[in-house]
Protein backbone atom coordinates (compact mmCIF):
# COMPACT_ATOMS: atom_id res chain seq x y z
CA MET A 1 128.51 43.86 -43.30
CA THR A 2 128.45 41.59 -40.29
CA THR A 3 131.77 40.77 -38.34
CA VAL A 4 131.33 37.63 -36.33
CA VAL A 5 133.98 37.49 -33.38
CA ASN A 6 134.58 34.15 -31.82
CA LEU A 7 134.87 34.51 -28.38
CA LYS A 8 135.38 30.74 -27.25
CA ARG A 9 138.91 30.31 -25.39
CA GLU A 10 141.10 27.68 -26.62
CA PRO A 11 142.17 25.19 -24.14
CA VAL A 12 145.32 25.38 -22.66
CA THR A 13 147.66 22.68 -22.30
CA PRO A 14 148.78 22.12 -18.73
CA GLU A 15 152.77 22.23 -18.37
CA PRO A 16 154.07 19.32 -16.55
CA PRO A 17 154.47 20.03 -12.88
CA THR A 18 158.28 20.58 -11.90
CA ARG A 19 160.01 18.61 -9.45
CA SER A 20 161.14 20.60 -6.63
CA VAL A 21 164.97 20.31 -5.95
CA GLU A 22 166.18 20.57 -2.28
CA ALA A 23 169.25 22.79 -1.93
CA PRO A 24 172.33 20.90 -0.44
CA PRO A 25 172.82 22.21 3.07
CA VAL A 26 175.32 24.95 3.40
CA GLU A 27 177.86 24.75 6.13
CA VAL A 28 178.41 28.13 7.81
CA GLU A 29 181.31 28.52 9.85
CA ILE A 30 180.68 30.59 12.81
CA ARG A 31 183.90 32.76 13.88
CA PRO A 32 184.02 34.17 17.45
CA THR A 33 183.95 37.77 17.34
CA VAL A 34 186.87 40.32 18.71
CA ALA A 35 184.96 40.34 21.96
CA ALA A 36 184.61 36.68 22.21
CA ALA A 37 188.37 36.16 21.48
CA THR A 38 189.57 38.57 23.97
CA PRO A 39 190.35 36.71 27.24
CA PRO A 40 188.07 38.07 30.12
CA VAL A 41 189.65 40.43 32.62
CA ALA A 42 189.80 37.71 35.54
CA ALA A 43 191.87 35.61 33.18
CA ARG A 44 194.34 38.46 32.36
CA ALA A 45 194.56 39.25 35.93
CA ALA A 46 195.63 36.04 36.59
CA ARG A 47 198.15 35.99 33.87
CA SER A 48 199.58 38.81 34.83
CA ARG A 49 199.78 37.74 38.72
CA SER A 50 201.55 34.79 37.35
CA VAL A 51 204.09 36.82 35.59
CA ALA A 52 204.91 38.96 38.45
CA VAL A 53 205.35 35.96 40.74
CA ASP A 54 207.75 34.24 37.92
CA ALA A 55 209.67 37.50 38.01
CA VAL A 56 209.93 37.75 41.84
CA MET A 57 210.85 34.02 42.09
CA LEU A 58 213.67 34.53 39.57
CA ARG A 59 214.94 37.09 41.68
CA ILE A 60 214.60 35.55 45.16
CA LEU A 61 214.87 32.00 44.68
CA PRO A 62 218.40 31.71 43.39
CA PRO A 63 220.07 33.86 46.41
CA VAL A 64 217.82 31.71 48.68
CA LEU A 65 219.10 28.26 47.29
CA GLY A 66 222.25 29.50 47.66
CA TYR A 67 222.15 30.37 51.16
CA LEU A 68 220.29 26.95 51.77
CA ALA A 69 223.10 24.81 50.17
CA LEU A 70 225.64 27.02 52.14
CA ILE A 71 223.91 26.18 55.52
CA GLY A 72 224.11 22.30 54.42
CA VAL A 73 227.62 22.19 53.65
CA TRP A 74 228.02 24.28 57.00
CA ALA A 75 226.30 21.80 58.97
CA LEU A 76 228.09 19.03 57.50
CA ALA A 77 231.47 20.69 57.81
CA ALA A 78 230.55 21.81 61.87
CA GLN A 79 230.43 17.87 62.67
CA HIS A 80 234.00 17.20 61.90
CA ALA A 81 235.54 20.67 62.66
CA PRO A 82 235.03 20.77 66.82
CA TYR A 83 235.92 24.70 66.68
CA LEU A 84 233.13 25.30 64.05
CA PRO A 85 229.75 25.64 65.65
CA GLY A 86 226.79 24.64 63.70
CA PRO A 87 223.90 26.36 62.49
CA VAL A 88 221.41 25.55 65.63
CA LYS A 89 224.08 27.01 67.78
CA THR A 90 224.90 30.27 65.69
CA TRP A 91 221.30 30.86 65.20
CA GLN A 92 220.67 30.82 69.08
CA ALA A 93 223.75 33.23 69.40
CA ALA A 94 221.95 35.55 66.60
CA LEU A 95 218.33 35.38 68.56
CA THR A 96 220.58 36.86 71.49
CA LEU A 97 222.54 39.13 69.53
CA PHE A 98 219.56 40.70 67.56
CA SER A 99 217.44 40.96 70.46
CA ASP A 100 218.76 44.44 71.35
CA PRO A 101 220.86 45.44 68.19
CA PHE A 102 221.22 49.12 69.34
CA TYR A 103 222.54 48.94 72.74
CA VAL A 104 225.12 51.27 73.79
CA LYS A 105 227.41 50.06 77.11
CA GLY A 106 230.73 52.59 76.11
CA PRO A 107 232.39 54.03 73.69
CA ASN A 108 233.51 50.53 72.09
CA ASP A 109 230.79 48.28 73.33
CA VAL A 110 227.50 48.99 70.97
CA GLY A 111 225.30 46.56 69.10
CA VAL A 112 225.56 45.23 65.98
CA GLY A 113 223.16 47.75 64.46
CA TRP A 114 225.33 50.72 65.19
CA LEU A 115 228.38 48.71 63.78
CA LEU A 116 226.48 48.12 60.84
CA LEU A 117 225.34 51.89 60.39
CA ASN A 118 228.92 53.11 61.05
CA SER A 119 230.25 50.84 58.02
CA LEU A 120 227.37 51.79 55.79
CA LYS A 121 228.35 55.67 56.54
CA ARG A 122 231.85 55.17 55.83
CA VAL A 123 230.96 53.67 52.57
CA ALA A 124 228.30 56.23 51.68
CA VAL A 125 230.93 58.94 52.04
CA GLY A 126 233.50 57.25 50.16
CA PHE A 127 231.32 56.11 47.25
CA GLY A 128 229.68 59.40 47.18
CA LEU A 129 233.03 61.28 46.61
CA ALA A 130 233.86 59.10 44.20
CA ILE A 131 230.75 59.62 42.13
CA ALA A 132 231.45 63.33 42.45
CA VAL A 133 235.08 62.98 41.11
CA GLY A 134 234.88 59.67 38.99
CA VAL A 135 231.74 60.55 36.74
CA PRO A 136 233.61 63.93 35.50
CA LEU A 137 236.95 62.71 35.12
CA GLY A 138 235.46 59.62 33.06
CA PHE A 139 233.73 62.14 30.80
CA MET A 140 236.94 64.03 30.12
CA ILE A 141 238.97 60.95 29.37
CA GLY A 142 236.62 59.44 27.10
CA ARG A 143 236.12 62.90 25.23
CA PHE A 144 239.84 63.66 25.18
CA MET A 145 242.51 61.14 24.15
CA PHE A 146 245.27 62.91 25.53
CA LEU A 147 243.76 62.42 29.31
CA ASN A 148 242.82 58.83 28.46
CA ARG A 149 246.64 58.01 27.73
CA ALA A 150 247.63 59.64 30.97
CA LEU A 151 245.22 57.99 32.86
CA LEU A 152 246.69 55.93 35.87
CA ARG A 153 245.68 52.14 36.13
CA PRO A 154 244.15 50.72 39.31
CA VAL A 155 246.35 48.74 41.82
CA SER A 156 245.49 46.70 44.90
CA PRO A 157 242.77 48.52 46.97
CA LEU A 158 244.62 47.65 50.51
CA ALA A 159 247.94 49.09 49.11
CA TRP A 160 246.37 52.76 49.60
CA LEU A 161 245.64 52.03 53.39
CA PRO A 162 248.97 53.13 54.62
CA ILE A 163 249.09 56.29 52.36
CA GLY A 164 245.89 57.26 53.81
CA LEU A 165 247.49 56.66 57.46
CA ALA A 166 250.11 58.70 56.93
CA VAL A 167 248.30 61.24 55.18
CA PHE A 168 245.24 61.75 57.69
CA LYS A 169 246.58 60.02 60.86
CA ALA A 170 243.38 58.74 61.70
CA ALA A 171 241.21 55.44 60.90
CA ASP A 172 238.04 56.67 59.94
CA PRO A 173 239.00 59.11 57.17
CA SER A 174 241.82 56.59 56.13
CA ALA A 175 239.31 53.70 55.63
CA ILE A 176 237.06 56.58 53.78
CA PHE A 177 239.94 57.29 51.59
CA VAL A 178 240.30 53.69 50.82
CA ILE A 179 236.66 53.29 49.75
CA PHE A 180 237.33 56.37 47.67
CA ILE A 181 240.14 55.42 45.63
CA THR A 182 239.08 51.98 45.07
CA SER A 183 235.34 52.72 44.29
CA ILE A 184 236.12 55.42 41.70
CA TRP A 185 238.15 53.33 39.08
CA PRO A 186 234.96 51.22 37.89
CA MET A 187 233.22 54.39 37.47
CA VAL A 188 235.83 56.15 35.43
CA ILE A 189 236.77 53.27 33.29
CA ASN A 190 232.92 52.53 32.43
CA THR A 191 232.13 56.30 31.73
CA ALA A 192 235.44 56.73 29.79
CA LEU A 193 233.94 53.24 27.77
CA GLY A 194 230.71 55.09 27.40
CA VAL A 195 231.54 57.99 25.81
CA ALA A 196 234.31 56.56 23.39
CA SER A 197 231.48 54.04 22.47
CA VAL A 198 229.21 57.07 21.21
CA PRO A 199 228.82 56.77 17.32
CA GLN A 200 231.02 59.33 15.40
CA ASP A 201 228.10 59.95 13.57
CA TYR A 202 226.23 61.67 16.05
CA LEU A 203 229.54 63.89 16.94
CA ASN A 204 229.64 64.89 13.15
CA VAL A 205 226.48 66.10 13.06
CA ALA A 206 226.74 68.13 16.17
CA ARG A 207 230.04 69.60 14.82
CA VAL A 208 228.05 70.35 11.58
CA LEU A 209 224.89 72.22 13.55
CA ARG A 210 227.60 74.07 15.49
CA LEU A 211 226.61 72.68 18.83
CA SER A 212 228.34 73.72 21.93
CA GLU A 213 230.17 71.40 24.29
CA TRP A 214 227.69 71.54 26.89
CA LYS A 215 224.93 70.79 24.11
CA VAL A 216 227.02 67.79 23.09
CA PHE A 217 227.21 66.64 26.54
CA THR A 218 224.02 67.01 27.45
CA LYS A 219 221.97 65.94 24.20
CA ILE A 220 224.46 63.34 23.05
CA LEU A 221 226.92 62.02 25.09
CA PHE A 222 225.18 62.03 28.54
CA PRO A 223 221.93 59.94 27.55
CA ALA A 224 224.22 57.54 25.86
CA THR A 225 226.75 57.02 28.43
CA LEU A 226 224.30 56.95 31.45
CA PRO A 227 223.98 52.97 31.37
CA TYR A 228 227.61 52.54 31.17
CA MET A 229 228.00 54.74 34.27
CA MET A 230 225.42 53.13 36.13
CA THR A 231 227.14 49.70 35.71
CA GLY A 232 230.50 51.40 36.83
CA MET A 233 228.58 52.76 40.10
CA ARG A 234 226.95 49.32 40.58
CA LEU A 235 230.36 47.86 40.38
CA GLY A 236 232.36 50.38 42.56
CA LEU A 237 229.37 49.94 45.37
CA GLY A 238 230.02 46.40 45.53
CA ILE A 239 233.83 46.83 45.57
CA ALA A 240 233.21 49.40 48.58
CA TRP A 241 231.25 47.19 50.51
CA LEU A 242 234.21 44.64 50.33
CA VAL A 243 236.85 46.89 51.04
CA ILE A 244 235.23 48.39 54.06
CA VAL A 245 235.55 45.24 55.93
CA ALA A 246 239.21 44.56 55.55
CA ALA A 247 239.71 48.43 55.70
CA GLU A 248 238.31 48.37 59.30
CA MET A 249 240.18 44.96 60.27
CA LEU A 250 243.24 46.91 60.02
CA THR A 251 242.64 50.62 61.19
CA GLY A 252 240.06 49.72 63.89
CA GLY A 253 236.91 51.98 65.28
CA ILE A 254 233.37 51.08 65.29
CA GLY A 255 232.24 48.89 62.13
CA ILE A 256 231.66 45.55 61.06
CA GLY A 257 234.99 44.68 59.75
CA PHE A 258 236.60 45.69 63.17
CA TRP A 259 233.96 43.60 65.51
CA ILE A 260 234.73 40.49 63.17
CA TRP A 261 238.11 41.14 64.11
CA ASP A 262 237.70 41.39 67.54
CA GLU A 263 235.32 38.74 68.02
CA TRP A 264 238.11 36.31 66.44
CA ASN A 265 240.50 37.73 69.31
CA ASN A 266 237.69 36.77 71.75
CA LEU A 267 237.59 33.28 69.67
CA ASN A 268 233.51 33.73 69.64
CA MET A 269 232.91 31.89 66.44
CA GLU A 270 229.37 32.26 66.30
CA HIS A 271 229.50 36.20 66.01
CA ILE A 272 232.17 35.72 63.35
CA ILE A 273 229.76 33.46 61.06
CA ILE A 274 226.82 35.77 61.73
CA ALA A 275 228.91 38.81 60.68
CA ILE A 276 229.71 37.03 57.35
CA PHE A 277 226.06 36.58 56.94
CA ILE A 278 225.36 39.98 57.52
CA VAL A 279 227.92 41.11 55.06
CA GLY A 280 226.62 38.83 52.44
CA ALA A 281 223.05 39.84 52.86
CA VAL A 282 223.99 43.87 53.02
CA GLY A 283 225.77 43.07 49.95
CA LEU A 284 223.29 41.58 48.20
CA ILE A 285 220.57 44.34 48.85
CA LEU A 286 223.00 47.26 47.81
CA GLU A 287 223.68 45.08 44.53
CA GLN A 288 219.69 44.57 43.78
CA CYS A 289 218.99 48.05 44.76
CA MET A 290 221.77 49.37 42.07
CA THR A 291 220.62 46.74 39.64
CA LEU A 292 217.05 48.34 39.80
CA ILE A 293 218.29 51.96 39.63
CA ALA A 294 220.65 50.95 36.71
CA SER A 295 217.75 48.98 34.60
CA ARG A 296 215.45 52.01 35.56
CA PHE A 297 217.88 54.59 33.69
CA ASP A 298 218.68 52.32 30.88
CA TYR A 299 217.34 53.70 27.53
CA ARG A 300 217.98 50.07 26.03
CA ASN A 301 215.04 48.68 28.29
CA SER A 302 212.12 51.48 27.23
């Protein structure tokens, strides 16, 4: 039996061609990388310089504008007061005065540089003694209520000058005594306030841990009181520099205060105005230095 195989291929019906459909355009959002978003080094340096310049201008510009306003009022007043020298005449006298500030022609005839140094020396000695006594006293007053109630309140600074003259019988130690007794009160009061402001929870924890009084002082009281203490020092130094001028006027000796009084007796108004500017400039420098030191030790700025 023979099998017949049909090898003829059947025609394949071709499928209709499909139309190609174009895909819609896809919008791709290109985001900058982190490296591109970071400003270049030059831009960061320029920004930091700008911040530094702004900080310097905020610190220097206000006193400069204050001095310029004072000079303007002074020039206007000099036109109506015949015995008040103007800025130009005072400037010429200042050039002569500062051309040789450290001359010595006798025990009472020295340059303005020596006068200023003698006043600063008295302030440094009196202020240092006030720190040595006032800060520990402030800690004890703030720590113990009995001492707080027994504290004497401050009185007028120059009221202590006759006491100093009666005790020391000399001008120089009497001026130092007045500086000491007047600059000590801001330190005592601010230090005691800082100790009293320490949260009671800290002291309770120290009591539970049975910490010694020295540990409580070094680990709790001193760090928390340091900003208050530095503020008291800044105020005390400002008061000391103001008081030394009045004390030297009354006690005499070589100093910026006695120089002002001596020039008044000689009717040298140019030197009196120069001395006023010196006192103001030195006081501003001392205050700025103490402010920088206080901000350096203030934990709240860290």
